[in-house]
């Protein structure tokens, strides 16, 4: 399947991006297929990051465990693995060379503790470029600003900026407001090993992008050869879909102003039950940024519901306006939201299969959000048994409906979003905080 996808991508003028996290595991013979609890080889315990005087895995998961990146043998092993991988996969246009997927987990040994992770990372990137150049390999290398790597290097500079593409991954950002322009941002908080003051709002996040933009200019990188790696469309907190729609459109309009040339989104592909509109707007705004948001939105609703689309558009706007209790910790107007969700669909005759399916999907989405709203309200009231009862009902309902809406609903993905909805409403911590 993958060779066919790559062939088709290249046939249509597209570039193939590959890998990302994993080199820190695979270089030592450990699989890197996800956040899995796996054993680390005893003979390589000494290369793991030292934290609190001990070298061990973070949460027993190799993929999110840092290594002792200041060690020359560790750097060489990871780079050698990456070089060999590139040689074995000439179909790759852009190789993403990332470190571990963890945070506040970096090495505190005497060699590492006084060096920013970004300095060690840039040093490794320069060595990787040297080895690739020596072999006549022109593969572009993507490096990222993410977690500790949001902080720019103190000393190290990219020696061959034309080799590299910059990727900004603002995972701690808010998805209720757009990212501001970097010219409006201040300065990042001070780097503090394993007690990192990660951004608490989008202005703090933009401060890191501003710093990396200044760094890229300083080393002579092209700002257009970069992109935002974002995390839109992951939440079930807006049945009308207009919150993410407006946010995504504004973010895309500001990409070039913020020194970025494009966007890759980290998402499920089966999410049209709750994010059809923002996903459509994302694609159209990237393709034709000169189009207004209203033009794209109307195009979407006309395509989904036909000539009488305005009545559906109004219904979706009502859903967004009423769904504040799913996003705002202080808003408890659940009854108002349930009333809007329980209202029947507009009395419009279906003109074709597309409008028929769009109505069916809208009905399903409203029913699902009605149950999610009941669950969230009961959680706020402290009725844990009722919450479990509703969750079981939701699980039965989605298991029955997934085959009917196979391209719109990813049930496993939905389960994570359902748990996150409760955690955020109740202000509970999770692993990503």
Foldseek 3Di string as FASTA:
>chain_A
DVVVVLVVCVVVVHAAEDDAFDLLAVLQPHGDPDQDQDDHDPVCQQQWAADPNHRDADVNGRQQTATQLLDPVSLVSSLVVVLVVCVVCVSHQEYEDEGGPHALRHHCDPRPVVFQPQQSVLVSVQVSVVVCVVVVHQRAYEYEQDHSSLAHGPDDARPDQVRYEYEYELAQEDLQAAQDQLVPADAADDQDRSVGPRDPYNSNSSNSLNVVLVRCVVRVHQLQRYAYEYEPLLADQAQLQVSNQVRLLVNLLCQVSSSYNYYDYDDDQQAQLRHVLSVQSNVVCNVPVVDDSVVSNVVVQCQQANPPSVLVNVLSVLRRVQRVLLPDLPDLPLVSNLVSLPDQDPPDDGDDPRNVVSNVSSNLSSVLVNLLSVLLNCVVVVVVVVNVVSVVVSVVSCVVCCVVSVRHDDPVSVVVNSVVSNCVSVVHDDSVD
